[in-house]
All heavy atoms as atom14 arrays in JSON, in Angstrom:
{
  "sequence": "ITNSITAMKQSLLNDLKQAKEGVIIDISKLPEQLMVLHQHVAET",
  "atom14_mask": [
    [1, 1, 1, 1, 1, 1, 1, 1, 0, 0, 0, 0, 0, 0],
    [1, 1, 1, 1, 1, 1, 1, 0, 0, 0, 0, 0, 0, 0],
    [1, 1, 1, 1, 1, 1, 1, 1, 0, 0, 0, 0, 0, 0],
    [1, 1, 1, 1, 1, 1, 0, 0, 0, 0, 0, 0, 0, 0],
    [1, 1, 1, 1, 1, 1, 1, 1, 0, 0, 0, 0, 0, 0],
    [1, 1, 1, 1, 1, 1, 1, 0, 0, 0, 0, 0, 0, 0],
    [1, 1, 1, 1, 1, 0, 0, 0, 0, 0, 0, 0, 0, 0],
    [1, 1, 1, 1, 1, 1, 1, 1, 0, 0, 0, 0, 0, 0],
    [1, 1, 1, 1, 1, 1, 1, 1, 1, 0, 0, 0, 0, 0],
    [1, 1, 1, 1, 1, 1, 1, 1, 1, 0, 0, 0, 0, 0],
    [1, 1, 1, 1, 1, 1, 0, 0, 0, 0, 0, 0, 0, 0],
    [1, 1, 1, 1, 1, 1, 1, 1, 0, 0, 0, 0, 0, 0],
    [1, 1, 1, 1, 1, 1, 1, 1, 0, 0, 0, 0, 0, 0],
    [1, 1, 1, 1, 1, 1, 1, 1, 0, 0, 0, 0, 0, 0],
    [1, 1, 1, 1, 1, 1, 1, 1, 0, 0, 0, 0, 0, 0],
    [1, 1, 1, 1, 1, 1, 1, 1, 0, 0, 0, 0, 0, 0],
    [1, 1, 1, 1, 1, 1, 1, 1, 1, 0, 0, 0, 0, 0],
    [1, 1, 1, 1, 1, 1, 1, 1, 1, 0, 0, 0, 0, 0],
    [1, 1, 1, 1, 1, 0, 0, 0, 0, 0, 0, 0, 0, 0],
    [1, 1, 1, 1, 1, 1, 1, 1, 1, 0, 0, 0, 0, 0],
    [1, 1, 1, 1, 1, 1, 1, 1, 1, 0, 0, 0, 0, 0],
    [1, 1, 1, 1, 0, 0, 0, 0, 0, 0, 0, 0, 0, 0],
    [1, 1, 1, 1, 1, 1, 1, 0, 0, 0, 0, 0, 0, 0],
    [1, 1, 1, 1, 1, 1, 1, 1, 0, 0, 0, 0, 0, 0],
    [1, 1, 1, 1, 1, 1, 1, 1, 0, 0, 0, 0, 0, 0],
    [1, 1, 1, 1, 1, 1, 1, 1, 0, 0, 0, 0, 0, 0],
    [1, 1, 1, 1, 1, 1, 1, 1, 0, 0, 0, 0, 0, 0],
    [1, 1, 1, 1, 1, 1, 0, 0, 0, 0, 0, 0, 0, 0],
    [1, 1, 1, 1, 1, 1, 1, 1, 1, 0, 0, 0, 0, 0],
    [1, 1, 1, 1, 1, 1, 1, 1, 0, 0, 0, 0, 0, 0],
    [1, 1, 1, 1, 1, 1, 1, 0, 0, 0, 0, 0, 0, 0],
    [1, 1, 1, 1, 1, 1, 1, 1, 1, 0, 0, 0, 0, 0],
    [1, 1, 1, 1, 1, 1, 1, 1, 1, 0, 0, 0, 0, 0],
    [1, 1, 1, 1, 1, 1, 1, 1, 0, 0, 0, 0, 0, 0],
    [1, 1, 1, 1, 1, 1, 1, 1, 0, 0, 0, 0, 0, 0],
    [1, 1, 1, 1, 1, 1, 1, 0, 0, 0, 0, 0, 0, 0],
    [1, 1, 1, 1, 1, 1, 1, 1, 0, 0, 0, 0, 0, 0],
    [1, 1, 1, 1, 1, 1, 1, 1, 1, 1, 0, 0, 0, 0],
    [1, 1, 1, 1, 1, 1, 1, 1, 1, 0, 0, 0, 0, 0],
    [1, 1, 1, 1, 1, 1, 1, 1, 1, 1, 0, 0, 0, 0],
    [1, 1, 1, 1, 1, 1, 1, 0, 0, 0, 0, 0, 0, 0],
    [1, 1, 1, 1, 1, 0, 0, 0, 0, 0, 0, 0, 0, 0],
    [1, 1, 1, 1, 1, 1, 1, 1, 1, 0, 0, 0, 0, 0],
    [1, 1, 1, 1, 1, 1, 1, 0, 0, 0, 0, 0, 0, 0]
  ],
  "atom14_positions": [
    [[112.35, 102.59, 64.47], [112.56, 101.26, 63.9], [111.26, 100.76, 63.28], [111.26, 100.23, 62.17], [113.06, 100.26, 64.97], [114.44, 100.67, 65.47], [113.11, 98.85, 64.41], [114.92, 99.89, 66.68], [0.0, 0.0, 0.0], [0.0, 0.0, 0.0], [0.0, 0.0, 0.0], [0.0, 0.0, 0.0], [0.0, 0.0, 0.0], [0.0, 0.0, 0.0]],
    [[110.16, 100.94, 64.0], [108.85, 100.52, 63.47], [108.54, 101.26, 62.17], [108.07, 100.65, 61.21], [107.74, 100.78, 64.51], [108.02, 100.01, 65.68], [106.37, 100.41, 63.96], [0.0, 0.0, 0.0], [0.0, 0.0, 0.0], [0.0, 0.0, 0.0], [0.0, 0.0, 0.0], [0.0, 0.0, 0.0], [0.0, 0.0, 0.0], [0.0, 0.0, 0.0]],
    [[108.83, 102.55, 62.13], [108.61, 103.33, 60.9], [109.49, 102.82, 59.76], [109.03, 102.72, 58.61], [108.87, 104.81, 61.14], [107.82, 105.45, 62.02], [106.72, 104.92, 62.19], [108.16, 106.56, 62.63], [0.0, 0.0, 0.0], [0.0, 0.0, 0.0], [0.0, 0.0, 0.0], [0.0, 0.0, 0.0], [0.0, 0.0, 0.0], [0.0, 0.0, 0.0]],
    [[110.73, 102.48, 60.05], [111.63, 101.94, 59.02], [111.14, 100.6, 58.51], [111.16, 100.33, 57.31], [113.04, 101.79, 59.58], [113.6, 103.03, 59.87], [0.0, 0.0, 0.0], [0.0, 0.0, 0.0], [0.0, 0.0, 0.0], [0.0, 0.0, 0.0], [0.0, 0.0, 0.0], [0.0, 0.0, 0.0], [0.0, 0.0, 0.0], [0.0, 0.0, 0.0]],
    [[110.68, 99.75, 59.42], [110.15, 98.45, 59.03], [108.89, 98.62, 58.19], [108.73, 97.95, 57.15], [109.89, 97.56, 60.26], [111.21, 97.14, 60.9], [109.05, 96.33, 59.9], [111.07, 96.4, 62.23], [0.0, 0.0, 0.0], [0.0, 0.0, 0.0], [0.0, 0.0, 0.0], [0.0, 0.0, 0.0], [0.0, 0.0, 0.0], [0.0, 0.0, 0.0]],
    [[108.02, 99.53, 58.58], [106.78, 99.78, 57.83], [107.1, 100.3, 56.43], [106.5, 99.87, 55.45], [105.89, 100.78, 58.59], [105.58, 100.23, 59.87], [104.6, 101.07, 57.83], [0.0, 0.0, 0.0], [0.0, 0.0, 0.0], [0.0, 0.0, 0.0], [0.0, 0.0, 0.0], [0.0, 0.0, 0.0], [0.0, 0.0, 0.0], [0.0, 0.0, 0.0]],
    [[108.07, 101.2, 56.34], [108.45, 101.75, 55.03], [109.04, 100.64, 54.15], [108.72, 100.56, 52.95], [109.46, 102.88, 55.2], [0.0, 0.0, 0.0], [0.0, 0.0, 0.0], [0.0, 0.0, 0.0], [0.0, 0.0, 0.0], [0.0, 0.0, 0.0], [0.0, 0.0, 0.0], [0.0, 0.0, 0.0], [0.0, 0.0, 0.0], [0.0, 0.0, 0.0]],
    [[109.87, 99.79, 54.74], [110.46, 98.7, 53.95], [109.38, 97.72, 53.54], [109.41, 97.2, 52.42], [111.55, 98.0, 54.75], [112.25, 96.93, 53.95], [113.66, 96.25, 54.81], [114.91, 96.54, 53.59], [0.0, 0.0, 0.0], [0.0, 0.0, 0.0], [0.0, 0.0, 0.0], [0.0, 0.0, 0.0], [0.0, 0.0, 0.0], [0.0, 0.0, 0.0]],
    [[108.41, 97.47, 54.4], [107.33, 96.56, 54.07], [106.54, 97.09, 52.87], [106.24, 96.33, 51.94], [106.4, 96.37, 55.27], [105.27, 95.4, 55.0], [104.41, 95.2, 56.24], [103.26, 94.25, 55.94], [102.42, 94.04, 57.14], [0.0, 0.0, 0.0], [0.0, 0.0, 0.0], [0.0, 0.0, 0.0], [0.0, 0.0, 0.0], [0.0, 0.0, 0.0]],
    [[106.25, 98.38, 52.87], [105.53, 98.97, 51.73], [106.35, 98.86, 50.45], [105.82, 98.56, 49.39], [105.18, 100.43, 52.03], [104.12, 100.6, 53.08], [102.83, 99.88, 52.73], [102.35, 99.91, 51.6], [102.27, 99.17, 53.7], [0.0, 0.0, 0.0], [0.0, 0.0, 0.0], [0.0, 0.0, 0.0], [0.0, 0.0, 0.0], [0.0, 0.0, 0.0]],
    [[107.64, 99.09, 50.58], [108.52, 98.97, 49.42], [108.55, 97.53, 48.9], [108.48, 97.3, 47.68], [109.93, 99.43, 49.81], [110.82, 99.26, 48.75], [0.0, 0.0, 0.0], [0.0, 0.0, 0.0], [0.0, 0.0, 0.0], [0.0, 0.0, 0.0], [0.0, 0.0, 0.0], [0.0, 0.0, 0.0], [0.0, 0.0, 0.0], [0.0, 0.0, 0.0]],
    [[108.62, 96.56, 49.81], [108.64, 95.15, 49.4], [107.32, 94.73, 48.79], [107.29, 93.95, 47.82], [109.0, 94.26, 50.59], [110.43, 94.36, 51.09], [110.61, 93.51, 52.34], [111.42, 93.97, 50.01], [0.0, 0.0, 0.0], [0.0, 0.0, 0.0], [0.0, 0.0, 0.0], [0.0, 0.0, 0.0], [0.0, 0.0, 0.0], [0.0, 0.0, 0.0]],
    [[106.21, 95.24, 49.33], [104.91, 94.93, 48.73], [104.83, 95.46, 47.31], [104.33, 94.79, 46.41], [103.77, 95.52, 49.59], [103.47, 94.79, 50.89], [102.54, 95.62, 51.76], [102.87, 93.42, 50.62], [0.0, 0.0, 0.0], [0.0, 0.0, 0.0], [0.0, 0.0, 0.0], [0.0, 0.0, 0.0], [0.0, 0.0, 0.0], [0.0, 0.0, 0.0]],
    [[105.38, 96.65, 47.11], [105.42, 97.24, 45.77], [106.32, 96.41, 44.85], [105.97, 96.14, 43.7], [105.9, 98.69, 45.84], [105.8, 99.38, 44.5], [104.77, 99.34, 43.85], [106.88, 100.02, 44.1], [0.0, 0.0, 0.0], [0.0, 0.0, 0.0], [0.0, 0.0, 0.0], [0.0, 0.0, 0.0], [0.0, 0.0, 0.0], [0.0, 0.0, 0.0]],
    [[107.48, 96.0, 45.37], [108.39, 95.15, 44.58], [107.72, 93.84, 44.2], [107.86, 93.36, 43.07], [109.68, 94.87, 45.36], [110.61, 96.06, 45.44], [110.38, 97.05, 44.71], [111.56, 96.0, 46.24], [0.0, 0.0, 0.0], [0.0, 0.0, 0.0], [0.0, 0.0, 0.0], [0.0, 0.0, 0.0], [0.0, 0.0, 0.0], [0.0, 0.0, 0.0]],
    [[107.0, 93.24, 45.14], [106.3, 91.98, 44.86], [105.26, 92.18, 43.77], [105.16, 91.38, 42.84], [105.66, 91.44, 46.14], [104.89, 90.13, 46.0], [105.79, 89.01, 45.48], [104.27, 89.74, 47.34], [0.0, 0.0, 0.0], [0.0, 0.0, 0.0], [0.0, 0.0, 0.0], [0.0, 0.0, 0.0], [0.0, 0.0, 0.0], [0.0, 0.0, 0.0]],
    [[104.5, 93.26, 43.87], [103.49, 93.55, 42.85], [104.15, 93.72, 41.48], [103.69, 93.16, 40.49], [102.72, 94.82, 43.23], [101.68, 95.22, 42.23], [101.0, 96.52, 42.62], [100.05, 96.93, 41.52], [99.72, 98.34, 41.56], [0.0, 0.0, 0.0], [0.0, 0.0, 0.0], [0.0, 0.0, 0.0], [0.0, 0.0, 0.0], [0.0, 0.0, 0.0]],
    [[105.23, 94.46, 41.45], [105.93, 94.68, 40.18], [106.52, 93.38, 39.64], [106.46, 93.13, 38.44], [107.02, 95.74, 40.35], [106.45, 97.13, 40.53], [107.55, 98.17, 40.64], [108.65, 97.9, 41.12], [107.25, 99.37, 40.19], [0.0, 0.0, 0.0], [0.0, 0.0, 0.0], [0.0, 0.0, 0.0], [0.0, 0.0, 0.0], [0.0, 0.0, 0.0]],
    [[107.07, 92.57, 40.52], [107.64, 91.29, 40.07], [106.57, 90.41, 39.46], [106.8, 89.75, 38.45], [108.32, 90.58, 41.24], [0.0, 0.0, 0.0], [0.0, 0.0, 0.0], [0.0, 0.0, 0.0], [0.0, 0.0, 0.0], [0.0, 0.0, 0.0], [0.0, 0.0, 0.0], [0.0, 0.0, 0.0], [0.0, 0.0, 0.0], [0.0, 0.0, 0.0]],
    [[105.38, 90.41, 40.05], [104.28, 89.61, 39.5], [103.84, 90.12, 38.14], [103.35, 89.36, 37.32], [103.1, 89.61, 40.47], [103.34, 88.75, 41.69], [102.14, 88.74, 42.61], [102.4, 87.82, 43.79], [101.26, 87.73, 44.69], [0.0, 0.0, 0.0], [0.0, 0.0, 0.0], [0.0, 0.0, 0.0], [0.0, 0.0, 0.0], [0.0, 0.0, 0.0]],
    [[104.03, 91.42, 37.91], [103.67, 92.03, 36.63], [104.79, 91.9, 35.6], [104.65, 92.34, 34.47], [103.3, 93.5, 36.84], [102.05, 93.7, 37.66], [101.81, 95.15, 38.04], [102.68, 96.03, 37.79], [100.74, 95.42, 38.62], [0.0, 0.0, 0.0], [0.0, 0.0, 0.0], [0.0, 0.0, 0.0], [0.0, 0.0, 0.0], [0.0, 0.0, 0.0]],
    [[105.92, 91.33, 36.02], [107.04, 91.15, 35.1], [107.96, 92.34, 34.99], [108.82, 92.39, 34.11], [0.0, 0.0, 0.0], [0.0, 0.0, 0.0], [0.0, 0.0, 0.0], [0.0, 0.0, 0.0], [0.0, 0.0, 0.0], [0.0, 0.0, 0.0], [0.0, 0.0, 0.0], [0.0, 0.0, 0.0], [0.0, 0.0, 0.0], [0.0, 0.0, 0.0]],
    [[107.8, 93.32, 35.89], [108.66, 94.5, 35.89], [109.98, 94.14, 36.57], [110.01, 93.39, 37.54], [107.98, 95.67, 36.65], [108.89, 96.87, 36.76], [106.67, 96.04, 35.96], [0.0, 0.0, 0.0], [0.0, 0.0, 0.0], [0.0, 0.0, 0.0], [0.0, 0.0, 0.0], [0.0, 0.0, 0.0], [0.0, 0.0, 0.0], [0.0, 0.0, 0.0]],
    [[111.07, 94.67, 36.07], [112.38, 94.45, 36.67], [112.45, 95.22, 37.98], [112.14, 96.4, 38.04], [113.51, 94.9, 35.72], [113.5, 94.05, 34.45], [114.87, 94.83, 36.41], [114.43, 94.55, 33.37], [0.0, 0.0, 0.0], [0.0, 0.0, 0.0], [0.0, 0.0, 0.0], [0.0, 0.0, 0.0], [0.0, 0.0, 0.0], [0.0, 0.0, 0.0]],
    [[112.87, 94.52, 39.04], [113.02, 95.17, 40.34], [114.47, 95.06, 40.79], [115.18, 94.13, 40.4], [112.08, 94.56, 41.4], [112.33, 93.07, 41.58], [110.63, 94.82, 41.04], [111.6, 92.46, 42.74], [0.0, 0.0, 0.0], [0.0, 0.0, 0.0], [0.0, 0.0, 0.0], [0.0, 0.0, 0.0], [0.0, 0.0, 0.0], [0.0, 0.0, 0.0]],
    [[114.91, 96.03, 41.58], [116.29, 96.04, 42.09], [116.29, 95.57, 43.54], [115.79, 96.27, 44.41], [116.87, 97.44, 41.98], [118.3, 97.52, 42.48], [118.92, 96.46, 42.74], [118.81, 98.65, 42.61], [0.0, 0.0, 0.0], [0.0, 0.0, 0.0], [0.0, 0.0, 0.0], [0.0, 0.0, 0.0], [0.0, 0.0, 0.0], [0.0, 0.0, 0.0]],
    [[116.82, 94.4, 43.78], [116.87, 93.86, 45.13], [118.29, 93.9, 45.7], [118.54, 93.38, 46.78], [116.31, 92.42, 45.19], [117.12, 91.49, 44.29], [114.84, 92.4, 44.83], [116.78, 90.03, 44.46], [0.0, 0.0, 0.0], [0.0, 0.0, 0.0], [0.0, 0.0, 0.0], [0.0, 0.0, 0.0], [0.0, 0.0, 0.0], [0.0, 0.0, 0.0]],
    [[119.19, 94.55, 45.01], [120.6, 94.53, 45.4], [120.87, 95.19, 46.75], [121.81, 94.82, 47.44], [121.46, 95.19, 44.32], [121.11, 96.55, 44.18], [0.0, 0.0, 0.0], [0.0, 0.0, 0.0], [0.0, 0.0, 0.0], [0.0, 0.0, 0.0], [0.0, 0.0, 0.0], [0.0, 0.0, 0.0], [0.0, 0.0, 0.0], [0.0, 0.0, 0.0]],
    [[120.07, 96.16, 47.14], [120.31, 96.88, 48.39], [119.57, 96.26, 49.58], [119.79, 96.65, 50.72], [119.92, 98.34, 48.23], [120.77, 99.06, 47.22], [120.35, 100.48, 47.04], [121.22, 101.11, 45.95], [120.76, 102.4, 45.55], [0.0, 0.0, 0.0], [0.0, 0.0, 0.0], [0.0, 0.0, 0.0], [0.0, 0.0, 0.0], [0.0, 0.0, 0.0]],
    [[118.71, 95.3, 49.32], [117.9, 94.73, 50.39], [118.72, 94.04, 51.49], [118.43, 94.24, 52.67], [116.86, 93.77, 49.83], [115.75, 94.41, 49.0], [114.82, 93.35, 48.44], [114.98, 95.42, 49.81], [0.0, 0.0, 0.0], [0.0, 0.0, 0.0], [0.0, 0.0, 0.0], [0.0, 0.0, 0.0], [0.0, 0.0, 0.0], [0.0, 0.0, 0.0]],
    [[119.73, 93.25, 51.16], [120.5, 92.61, 52.24], [121.1, 93.62, 53.22], [121.01, 93.43, 54.44], [121.58, 91.82, 51.51], [120.98, 91.53, 50.17], [120.17, 92.77, 49.84], [0.0, 0.0, 0.0], [0.0, 0.0, 0.0], [0.0, 0.0, 0.0], [0.0, 0.0, 0.0], [0.0, 0.0, 0.0], [0.0, 0.0, 0.0], [0.0, 0.0, 0.0]],
    [[121.68, 94.68, 52.71], [122.27, 95.69, 53.59], [121.2, 96.39, 54.43], [121.39, 96.6, 55.63], [123.06, 96.71, 52.77], [123.71, 97.8, 53.6], [124.78, 97.28, 54.55], [125.4, 96.24, 54.27], [124.99, 97.91, 55.6], [0.0, 0.0, 0.0], [0.0, 0.0, 0.0], [0.0, 0.0, 0.0], [0.0, 0.0, 0.0], [0.0, 0.0, 0.0]],
    [[120.08, 96.74, 53.81], [119.0, 97.38, 54.55], [118.48, 96.48, 55.65], [118.21, 96.93, 56.77], [117.86, 97.76, 53.6], [118.22, 98.86, 52.63], [117.15, 99.07, 51.58], [116.32, 98.21, 51.32], [117.18, 100.23, 50.93], [0.0, 0.0, 0.0], [0.0, 0.0, 0.0], [0.0, 0.0, 0.0], [0.0, 0.0, 0.0], [0.0, 0.0, 0.0]],
    [[118.34, 95.19, 55.35], [117.86, 94.24, 56.35], [118.87, 94.08, 57.48], [118.47, 93.97, 58.65], [117.56, 92.89, 55.71], [116.28, 92.84, 54.9], [116.2, 91.54, 54.12], [115.07, 92.99, 55.81], [0.0, 0.0, 0.0], [0.0, 0.0, 0.0], [0.0, 0.0, 0.0], [0.0, 0.0, 0.0], [0.0, 0.0, 0.0], [0.0, 0.0, 0.0]],
    [[120.14, 94.05, 57.16], [121.16, 93.92, 58.2], [121.14, 95.12, 59.15], [121.26, 94.96, 60.37], [122.55, 93.74, 57.58], [122.74, 92.4, 56.88], [122.46, 90.98, 57.97], [123.78, 91.19, 59.14], [0.0, 0.0, 0.0], [0.0, 0.0, 0.0], [0.0, 0.0, 0.0], [0.0, 0.0, 0.0], [0.0, 0.0, 0.0], [0.0, 0.0, 0.0]],
    [[120.98, 96.3, 58.6], [120.92, 97.51, 59.43], [119.69, 97.45, 60.34], [119.78, 97.7, 61.54], [120.92, 98.78, 58.55], [120.58, 100.02, 59.38], [122.25, 98.95, 57.86], [0.0, 0.0, 0.0], [0.0, 0.0, 0.0], [0.0, 0.0, 0.0], [0.0, 0.0, 0.0], [0.0, 0.0, 0.0], [0.0, 0.0, 0.0], [0.0, 0.0, 0.0]],
    [[118.54, 97.11, 59.76], [117.32, 96.99, 60.56], [117.47, 95.91, 61.63], [117.07, 96.11, 62.78], [116.12, 96.67, 59.68], [115.39, 97.84, 59.06], [114.27, 97.35, 58.15], [114.84, 98.77, 60.11], [0.0, 0.0, 0.0], [0.0, 0.0, 0.0], [0.0, 0.0, 0.0], [0.0, 0.0, 0.0], [0.0, 0.0, 0.0], [0.0, 0.0, 0.0]],
    [[118.05, 94.79, 61.25], [118.25, 93.7, 62.2], [119.12, 94.16, 63.37], [118.83, 93.87, 64.53], [118.89, 92.5, 61.52], [119.14, 91.37, 62.46], [120.35, 91.22, 63.11], [118.35, 90.36, 62.88], [120.29, 90.16, 63.88], [119.1, 89.62, 63.76], [0.0, 0.0, 0.0], [0.0, 0.0, 0.0], [0.0, 0.0, 0.0], [0.0, 0.0, 0.0]],
    [[120.15, 94.9, 63.07], [121.03, 95.41, 64.12], [120.26, 96.33, 65.07], [120.41, 96.23, 66.29], [122.22, 96.15, 63.52], [123.22, 96.64, 64.53], [123.88, 95.51, 65.28], [124.12, 94.43, 64.74], [124.18, 95.73, 66.54], [0.0, 0.0, 0.0], [0.0, 0.0, 0.0], [0.0, 0.0, 0.0], [0.0, 0.0, 0.0], [0.0, 0.0, 0.0]],
    [[119.42, 97.19, 64.52], [118.63, 98.09, 65.36], [117.65, 97.31, 66.23], [117.47, 97.63, 67.41], [117.89, 99.12, 64.52], [118.79, 100.13, 63.87], [119.7, 100.9, 64.56], [118.93, 100.48, 62.58], [120.35, 101.69, 63.73], [119.9, 101.45, 62.51], [0.0, 0.0, 0.0], [0.0, 0.0, 0.0], [0.0, 0.0, 0.0], [0.0, 0.0, 0.0]],
    [[117.02, 96.29, 65.65], [116.09, 95.46, 66.41], [116.84, 94.74, 67.53], [116.38, 94.68, 68.68], [115.35, 94.45, 65.5], [114.59, 93.43, 66.33], [114.4, 95.19, 64.55], [0.0, 0.0, 0.0], [0.0, 0.0, 0.0], [0.0, 0.0, 0.0], [0.0, 0.0, 0.0], [0.0, 0.0, 0.0], [0.0, 0.0, 0.0], [0.0, 0.0, 0.0]],
    [[118.02, 94.23, 67.22], [118.81, 93.5, 68.22], [119.23, 94.4, 69.38], [119.38, 93.92, 70.51], [120.04, 92.9, 67.55], [0.0, 0.0, 0.0], [0.0, 0.0, 0.0], [0.0, 0.0, 0.0], [0.0, 0.0, 0.0], [0.0, 0.0, 0.0], [0.0, 0.0, 0.0], [0.0, 0.0, 0.0], [0.0, 0.0, 0.0], [0.0, 0.0, 0.0]],
    [[119.37, 95.68, 69.13], [119.81, 96.62, 70.16], [118.67, 97.14, 71.03], [118.93, 97.86, 71.99], [120.54, 97.8, 69.51], [121.85, 97.42, 68.87], [122.44, 98.52, 68.01], [121.79, 99.57, 67.83], [123.56, 98.32, 67.5], [0.0, 0.0, 0.0], [0.0, 0.0, 0.0], [0.0, 0.0, 0.0], [0.0, 0.0, 0.0], [0.0, 0.0, 0.0]],
    [[117.43, 96.81, 70.72], [116.29, 97.34, 71.5], [116.17, 96.6, 72.83], [116.72, 95.52, 73.03], [114.96, 97.2, 70.73], [114.72, 95.82, 70.47], [114.96, 98.0, 69.47], [0.0, 0.0, 0.0], [0.0, 0.0, 0.0], [0.0, 0.0, 0.0], [0.0, 0.0, 0.0], [0.0, 0.0, 0.0], [0.0, 0.0, 0.0], [0.0, 0.0, 0.0]]
  ]
}
């Protein structure tokens, strides 16, 4: 779970950097990814 959160954090940091540069980013899958991670955290 920690590795998944770390990987998502790196991805989000990259998305934030790109958004600041005006690059189009795809955030459509983020809600589902967060829900899955949240479920795993809730089960710990």
